Amino acid sequence: MIEPHPAVTDGKLTYVSPKPGLGAAIGGIVIAFGFLLVFANGVTGTVTTPGATAGGVVVLAILTLIFLFTVMRRWTVEFDLTGQKLTISQSLLGRPNTIVFACPLDECTRVGTMEYRNENGVSYGAYVELKQGGKYSIPLPSGTFRDVSLAVSHLVHATGIPRFDTVA
């Protein structure tokens, strides 16, 4: 179950995406190593020159790094109740947070729940929408509509931002 009332620390309501699992990083490395072996041994079914193989290895190394950076990213959405400010930041590979977006809470037009359809069925999440038109996902552990709705209700009560659910 999602914790509907995250702790308010120093007047801040903070939502943080879960830490990336070690399995994702190991999976990316294993996939990259497998592709590396395929290209290094020339098992692609075509005749390749050493230059083409080296180019393929470089491309795969870059794609693997992009994959790892995507998987190892953590998002933080912080509602500063005292300073009336919203801060959205990201952390990559455990490094300190980099602020992606910051604005006063007055710039937030609404928060609510969203429905995501995927191959596993339906999942639910929360979002905050800004006056300038952007919609940002609030990182919550995946849960039922009831759990996400409770989290959004607490957020609405704490910040005073109007609520608009995109699902019934």
Protein backbone atom coordinates (compact mmCIF):
# COMPACT_ATOMS: atom_id res chain seq x y z
CA MET A 1 0.00 0.00 0.00
CA ILE A 2 1.20 3.52 -0.80
CA GLU A 3 1.95 5.70 2.17
CA PRO A 4 -0.83 8.32 1.66
CA HIS A 5 0.66 10.75 4.15
CA PRO A 6 4.40 11.13 3.55
CA ALA A 7 6.23 12.79 6.37
CA VAL A 8 6.33 16.58 6.32
CA THR A 9 9.94 17.38 7.16
CA ASP A 10 11.02 21.00 7.64
CA GLY A 11 7.70 22.13 6.16
CA LYS A 12 8.28 20.12 2.97
CA LEU A 13 6.15 17.36 1.50
CA THR A 14 8.52 15.18 -0.54
CA TYR A 15 7.82 12.40 -3.03
CA VAL A 16 10.83 10.43 -4.29
CA SER A 17 10.89 7.72 -6.94
CA PRO A 18 12.21 4.38 -5.69
CA LYS A 19 15.89 3.58 -5.89
CA PRO A 20 16.75 1.79 -9.11
CA GLY A 21 17.39 -1.88 -8.60
CA LEU A 22 20.78 -3.42 -9.07
CA GLY A 23 19.13 -5.96 -11.35
CA ALA A 24 18.41 -3.27 -13.95
CA ALA A 25 22.04 -2.20 -14.07
CA ILE A 26 23.28 -5.78 -14.24
CA GLY A 27 20.71 -6.53 -16.96
CA GLY A 28 21.97 -3.62 -19.05
CA ILE A 29 25.57 -4.72 -18.67
CA VAL A 30 24.72 -8.33 -19.59
CA ILE A 31 22.82 -7.21 -22.69
CA ALA A 32 25.64 -4.92 -23.75
CA PHE A 33 28.20 -7.67 -23.16
CA GLY A 34 26.13 -10.08 -25.27
CA PHE A 35 25.95 -7.61 -28.14
CA LEU A 36 29.65 -6.96 -27.78
CA LEU A 37 30.38 -10.67 -28.16
CA VAL A 38 28.15 -10.90 -31.22
CA PHE A 39 29.91 -8.02 -32.95
CA ALA A 40 33.39 -9.00 -31.80
CA ASN A 41 33.01 -12.56 -33.13
CA GLY A 42 31.43 -11.47 -36.42
CA VAL A 43 28.33 -13.64 -35.92
CA THR A 44 26.08 -11.05 -37.55
CA GLY A 45 25.77 -13.15 -40.72
CA THR A 46 27.51 -10.60 -42.87
CA VAL A 47 31.07 -9.86 -43.70
CA THR A 48 32.30 -6.98 -41.58
CA THR A 49 35.56 -5.21 -41.59
CA PRO A 50 37.46 -4.51 -38.36
CA GLY A 51 36.52 -0.83 -38.72
CA ALA A 52 32.81 -1.63 -38.93
CA THR A 53 33.08 -3.92 -35.90
CA ALA A 54 34.82 -1.21 -33.91
CA GLY A 55 32.13 1.28 -34.91
CA GLY A 56 29.43 -1.16 -33.81
CA VAL A 57 31.14 -1.62 -30.46
CA VAL A 58 31.30 2.15 -29.92
CA VAL A 59 27.62 2.55 -30.83
CA LEU A 60 26.65 -0.27 -28.45
CA ALA A 61 28.73 1.24 -25.67
CA ILE A 62 26.95 4.58 -26.11
CA LEU A 63 23.51 2.91 -26.20
CA THR A 64 24.38 0.96 -23.05
CA LEU A 65 25.37 4.15 -21.24
CA ILE A 66 22.13 5.83 -22.30
CA PHE A 67 20.19 2.81 -21.01
CA LEU A 68 22.04 2.82 -17.68
CA PHE A 69 21.59 6.57 -17.20
CA THR A 70 17.87 6.23 -17.89
CA VAL A 71 17.44 3.33 -15.48
CA MET A 72 19.60 4.82 -12.72
CA ARG A 73 17.74 8.17 -12.59
CA ARG A 74 15.64 9.13 -9.51
CA TRP A 75 13.06 11.90 -9.49
CA THR A 76 12.09 14.05 -6.50
CA VAL A 77 9.01 16.27 -6.33
CA GLU A 78 9.07 18.56 -3.31
CA PHE A 79 6.24 20.80 -2.15
CA ASP A 80 7.66 23.42 0.22
CA LEU A 81 4.64 24.31 2.35
CA THR A 82 6.45 27.04 4.28
CA GLY A 83 8.05 28.74 1.27
CA GLN A 84 5.07 27.96 -1.00
CA LYS A 85 7.34 26.51 -3.68
CA LEU A 86 7.39 23.43 -5.94
CA THR A 87 10.77 21.90 -6.84
CA ILE A 88 11.27 19.01 -9.25
CA SER A 89 14.74 17.53 -9.32
CA GLN A 90 16.58 14.45 -10.51
CA SER A 91 19.51 12.47 -9.22
CA LEU A 92 21.68 10.34 -11.46
CA LEU A 93 23.75 7.44 -10.13
CA GLY A 94 23.43 8.63 -6.53
CA ARG A 95 24.83 12.09 -7.19
CA PRO A 96 23.25 15.16 -5.57
CA ASN A 97 19.94 16.36 -6.96
CA THR A 98 19.89 18.63 -10.00
CA ILE A 99 16.92 21.00 -10.05
CA VAL A 100 14.94 20.49 -13.25
CA PHE A 101 12.10 22.87 -12.45
CA ALA A 102 11.16 25.24 -9.62
CA CYS A 103 8.19 27.57 -9.26
CA PRO A 104 5.82 29.04 -6.64
CA LEU A 105 2.84 26.87 -5.66
CA ASP A 106 0.62 29.59 -7.20
CA GLU A 107 1.83 28.39 -10.61
CA CYS A 108 0.29 24.94 -10.00
CA THR A 109 -3.19 24.83 -11.52
CA ARG A 110 -4.18 21.35 -10.35
CA VAL A 111 -3.12 17.94 -9.08
CA GLY A 112 -4.86 14.65 -9.63
CA THR A 113 -4.73 10.99 -10.54
CA MET A 114 -3.92 9.54 -13.95
CA GLU A 115 -4.56 6.14 -15.45
CA TYR A 116 -1.79 4.39 -17.36
CA ARG A 117 -2.58 1.45 -19.62
CA ASN A 118 0.24 -0.99 -20.24
CA GLU A 119 0.80 -4.65 -21.07
CA ASN A 120 0.16 -5.62 -17.44
CA GLY A 121 -3.25 -3.91 -17.35
CA VAL A 122 -3.98 -0.58 -15.71
CA SER A 123 -1.86 1.30 -13.20
CA TYR A 124 -2.41 4.65 -11.53
CA GLY A 125 -0.25 7.64 -10.78
CA ALA A 126 -0.45 11.26 -9.69
CA TYR A 127 0.45 14.46 -11.51
CA VAL A 128 0.79 18.20 -11.00
CA GLU A 129 -0.14 20.60 -13.81
CA LEU A 130 1.34 24.08 -14.18
CA LYS A 131 -0.08 27.32 -15.58
CA GLN A 132 2.53 27.36 -18.33
CA GLY A 133 1.16 24.05 -19.61
CA GLY A 134 3.50 21.36 -18.31
CA LYS A 135 2.31 18.20 -16.55
CA TYR A 136 4.74 16.48 -14.21
CA SER A 137 4.35 13.04 -12.72
CA ILE A 138 4.56 12.75 -8.95
CA PRO A 139 6.60 9.64 -8.11
CA LEU A 140 4.49 7.23 -6.09
CA PRO A 141 4.99 3.49 -5.72
CA SER A 142 2.63 1.70 -8.05
CA GLY A 143 -0.63 0.95 -6.31
CA THR A 144 -4.34 0.80 -6.55
CA PHE A 145 -6.52 3.73 -7.52
CA ARG A 146 -7.60 4.03 -3.88
CA ASP A 147 -4.00 4.33 -2.64
CA VAL A 148 -3.05 6.94 -5.24
CA SER A 149 -6.28 8.84 -4.59
CA LEU A 150 -5.49 8.98 -0.86
CA ALA A 151 -2.02 10.36 -1.60
CA VAL A 152 -3.48 13.04 -3.90
CA SER A 153 -6.14 13.93 -1.31
CA HIS A 154 -3.42 14.50 1.28
CA LEU A 155 -1.47 16.64 -1.17
CA VAL A 156 -4.55 18.75 -1.98
CA HIS A 157 -5.29 19.22 1.72
CA ALA A 158 -1.69 20.22 2.49
CA THR A 159 -1.15 22.61 -0.44
CA GLY A 160 -4.60 23.92 -1.36
CA ILE A 161 -4.01 23.16 -5.05
CA PRO A 162 -7.28 22.22 -6.80
CA ARG A 163 -7.83 18.56 -7.67
CA PHE A 164 -8.73 17.18 -11.10
CA ASP A 165 -8.71 13.43 -11.66
CA THR A 166 -8.43 12.14 -15.20
CA VAL A 167 -9.97 8.79 -14.18
CA ALA A 168 -13.30 8.06 -12.52
